Protein backbone atom coordinates (compact mmCIF):
# COMPACT_ATOMS: atom_id res chain seq x y z
CA MET A 1 74.00 168.72 263.69
CA LYS A 2 77.47 166.88 264.27
CA ILE A 3 77.28 163.51 265.14
CA HIS A 4 80.43 161.87 266.99
CA LEU A 5 80.87 158.23 268.21
CA PHE A 6 82.77 157.09 270.91
CA LYS A 7 83.27 154.35 273.71
CA GLU A 8 83.75 154.17 277.12
CA VAL A 9 82.33 157.09 277.98
CA PHE A 10 82.54 158.52 281.54
CA ILE A 11 80.40 162.07 282.28
CA LYS A 12 79.88 164.05 285.09
CA PHE A 13 77.42 166.39 285.40
CA LYS A 14 75.68 168.56 288.30
CA ASP A 15 71.59 169.23 288.04
CA GLU A 16 69.67 169.61 291.39
CA LYS A 17 72.54 166.46 292.05
CA ASP A 18 75.71 165.18 291.36
CA ASN A 19 75.73 162.84 288.66
CA LEU A 20 77.44 159.66 287.23
CA ILE A 21 77.30 158.21 284.21
CA TYR A 22 78.63 155.14 282.34
CA ALA A 23 78.46 153.64 278.88
CA GLU A 24 80.12 151.12 276.86
CA GLU A 25 79.50 153.37 273.77
CA ALA A 26 77.74 156.93 273.22
CA THR A 27 76.58 158.67 270.23
CA ILE A 28 76.86 162.56 271.05
CA THR A 29 74.96 165.15 269.15
CA GLN A 30 75.78 169.11 269.38
CA ASP A 31 72.55 170.95 268.65
CA ILE A 32 72.14 174.22 269.07
CA ASN A 33 72.62 175.55 272.54
CA LYS A 34 73.02 171.43 274.30
CA PHE A 35 74.80 168.10 273.67
CA ILE A 36 72.16 165.09 273.12
CA PHE A 37 73.89 162.43 274.68
CA GLU A 38 72.37 158.68 273.79
CA LEU A 39 73.85 156.31 275.76
CA VAL A 40 73.85 152.22 275.43
CA ASP A 41 74.82 149.18 278.26
CA GLY A 42 75.96 151.72 281.14
CA PHE A 43 74.97 153.02 284.09
CA LYS A 44 74.03 156.10 286.57
CA ILE A 45 74.80 157.02 289.18
CA THR A 46 73.22 159.67 291.55
CA VAL A 47 74.19 161.32 294.66
CA ILE A 48 70.99 161.97 297.03
CA GLU A 49 71.97 163.23 300.04
CA LYS A 50 75.84 162.82 301.75
CA ASN A 51 75.91 158.72 302.38
CA LYS A 52 73.11 157.73 299.93
CA ILE A 53 73.94 157.47 296.56
CA GLU A 54 70.82 155.95 293.61
CA LYS A 55 72.02 153.78 291.04
CA LEU A 56 70.40 153.27 287.42
CA GLU A 57 71.25 150.48 285.24
CA PHE A 58 70.21 150.51 281.34
CA GLU A 59 70.62 149.39 278.04
CA SER A 60 70.04 152.62 276.63
CA TYR A 61 69.73 155.86 277.81
CA LYS A 62 69.40 160.05 276.25
CA LEU A 63 71.05 162.79 277.90
CA ASP A 64 70.12 166.00 277.13
CA ILE A 65 72.66 169.11 278.75
CA ILE A 66 72.26 172.59 278.05
CA ASN A 67 75.86 174.63 277.69
CA SER A 68 76.18 176.96 279.01
CA ASN A 69 78.70 178.34 277.58
CA PHE A 70 77.41 178.25 274.13
CA LYS A 71 78.10 181.92 272.82
CA THR A 72 76.15 183.34 269.20
CA TYR A 73 78.70 183.98 266.50
CA ASP A 74 77.80 186.86 265.49
CA ASN A 75 78.91 187.02 261.58
CA PHE A 76 79.04 191.11 261.10
CA ASP A 77 81.80 193.36 259.38
CA LYS A 78 81.86 196.01 261.56
CA ASN A 79 82.66 198.42 258.46
CA THR A 80 79.48 198.01 257.69
CA PHE A 81 78.20 199.96 260.42
CA SER A 82 77.97 203.84 260.28
CA VAL A 83 79.24 205.97 262.66
CA PHE A 84 75.92 206.44 264.15
CA ASP A 85 76.02 203.05 264.76
CA ASP A 86 79.19 203.35 265.91
CA ILE A 87 78.22 205.87 268.31
CA LYS A 88 75.02 203.80 269.17
CA ASN A 89 76.64 200.77 270.50
CA ARG A 90 80.25 203.06 271.68
CA ASP A 91 82.47 201.50 269.63
CA TYR A 92 84.99 204.46 270.51
CA LEU A 93 87.49 202.48 268.37
CA ASN A 94 86.03 201.75 265.15
CA ILE A 95 85.28 205.72 264.88
CA VAL A 96 88.82 206.65 265.71
CA HIS A 97 89.66 204.05 263.11
CA LYS A 98 87.17 205.31 260.64
CA ILE A 99 88.32 208.64 261.32
CA THR A 100 92.26 207.78 260.89
CA ASP A 101 91.49 206.13 257.28
CA THR A 102 90.09 209.27 256.49
CA ILE A 103 92.87 211.15 257.31
CA ILE A 104 95.19 208.40 255.93
CA LEU A 105 92.90 208.95 252.56
CA THR A 106 93.37 212.62 252.81
CA ILE A 107 97.35 212.66 253.19
CA ILE A 108 97.57 210.42 250.79
CA ILE A 109 95.50 212.13 247.48
CA LEU A 110 97.51 215.89 249.43
CA PHE A 111 100.67 214.37 248.52
CA PHE A 112 99.87 213.63 245.07
CA TYR A 113 98.37 216.90 244.52
CA PHE A 114 100.93 218.78 246.17
CA ASN A 115 104.00 216.62 245.14
CA ASN A 116 103.58 215.61 241.83
CA ILE A 117 100.02 217.50 240.10
CA LYS A 118 100.67 220.96 241.15
CA PHE A 119 104.22 220.97 239.65
CA TYR A 120 103.86 218.19 236.64
CA ARG A 121 106.47 216.15 238.29
CA PHE A 122 105.27 212.89 236.67
CA ASP A 123 108.69 211.51 235.91
CA PHE A 124 109.55 208.03 237.62
CA TYR A 125 111.30 209.64 241.36
CA TYR A 126 108.61 211.89 242.28
CA LEU A 127 105.44 208.64 241.13
CA THR A 128 107.76 206.11 243.37
CA LEU A 129 108.23 208.10 245.86
CA PHE A 130 104.24 208.87 245.74
CA LEU A 131 103.98 204.73 245.77
CA PHE A 132 106.74 204.46 248.34
CA ILE A 133 105.14 206.83 251.49
CA SER A 134 101.43 205.99 250.39
CA SER A 135 102.09 202.40 251.00
CA THR A 136 104.22 203.65 253.63
CA LEU A 137 101.16 205.15 255.57
CA LEU A 138 98.36 202.44 254.74
CA ILE A 139 100.60 199.53 255.95
CA LEU A 140 101.35 201.61 259.08
CA ASN A 141 97.51 202.20 259.80
CA GLN A 142 96.44 198.90 259.00
CA ILE A 143 99.43 197.87 261.66
CA ILE A 144 98.09 200.35 264.23
CA LYS A 145 94.20 198.20 263.95
CA ASN A 146 95.32 195.52 264.40
CA LEU A 147 96.98 195.95 267.58
CA GLU A 148 94.06 196.82 269.12
CA ILE A 149 95.24 199.77 271.14
CA ASN A 150 93.13 202.18 273.12
CA TYR A 151 91.95 204.45 270.96
CA ILE A 152 92.81 207.58 272.84
CA PHE A 153 96.77 206.07 271.87
CA ASN A 154 95.64 205.38 268.65
CA ILE A 155 94.82 209.11 268.31
CA LEU A 156 97.87 210.47 269.74
CA ILE A 157 99.79 208.25 266.67
CA ILE A 158 97.93 209.52 264.24
CA PHE A 159 98.04 212.91 265.17
CA LEU A 160 101.09 212.43 265.66
CA ILE A 161 101.85 211.36 261.71
CA PHE A 162 99.50 214.33 260.44
CA MET A 163 102.07 216.66 262.29
CA ILE A 164 104.56 214.80 260.47
CA PHE A 165 102.98 215.49 257.41
CA MET A 166 101.65 218.80 257.68
CA ILE A 167 104.98 220.02 258.54
CA TYR A 168 106.45 218.02 255.45
CA PHE A 169 103.64 220.18 253.34
CA LEU A 170 104.55 223.72 254.71
CA ILE A 171 108.66 223.18 254.47
CA GLY A 172 107.93 221.12 250.80
CA LYS A 173 105.80 224.65 249.43
CA LYS A 174 109.25 226.65 251.24
CA ASN A 175 111.72 225.14 249.10
CA VAL A 176 109.70 225.11 245.85
């Protein structure tokens, strides 16, 4: 609970009627979904009808205002949900991200196998090439995620990356 102290406070709010409040000093506390004003030495003016007002002078006055804009912060990680939870929540973009992660991981493993393990190429050049390409893929994947683009466009980009690597594997197989 946060407490704030203020001098010369002016509050305008509307419940059933328009209200204006002035106080020389105020303590404002924010509770879960409301603000609590403890006002000292001031007045409250309430507009009753078009030309009628009500004035209340006070030495001490307590006012509770519900914060209708209050939003609950959900502290959760989307990656902890299963695909079934994502389907239930209709979070198709997160499903695409999980599929993308799987495809990228598969491409990296296949690239390492076909480029290094299959032909016993463990020299500096091939290992550096593997590190460069796998790092580039992972960075590209993260950039695509952070763009938060439409999931259909995301699928097209990932399909394009997948096709480029499939072509590389097919052409590379013919050259060896």
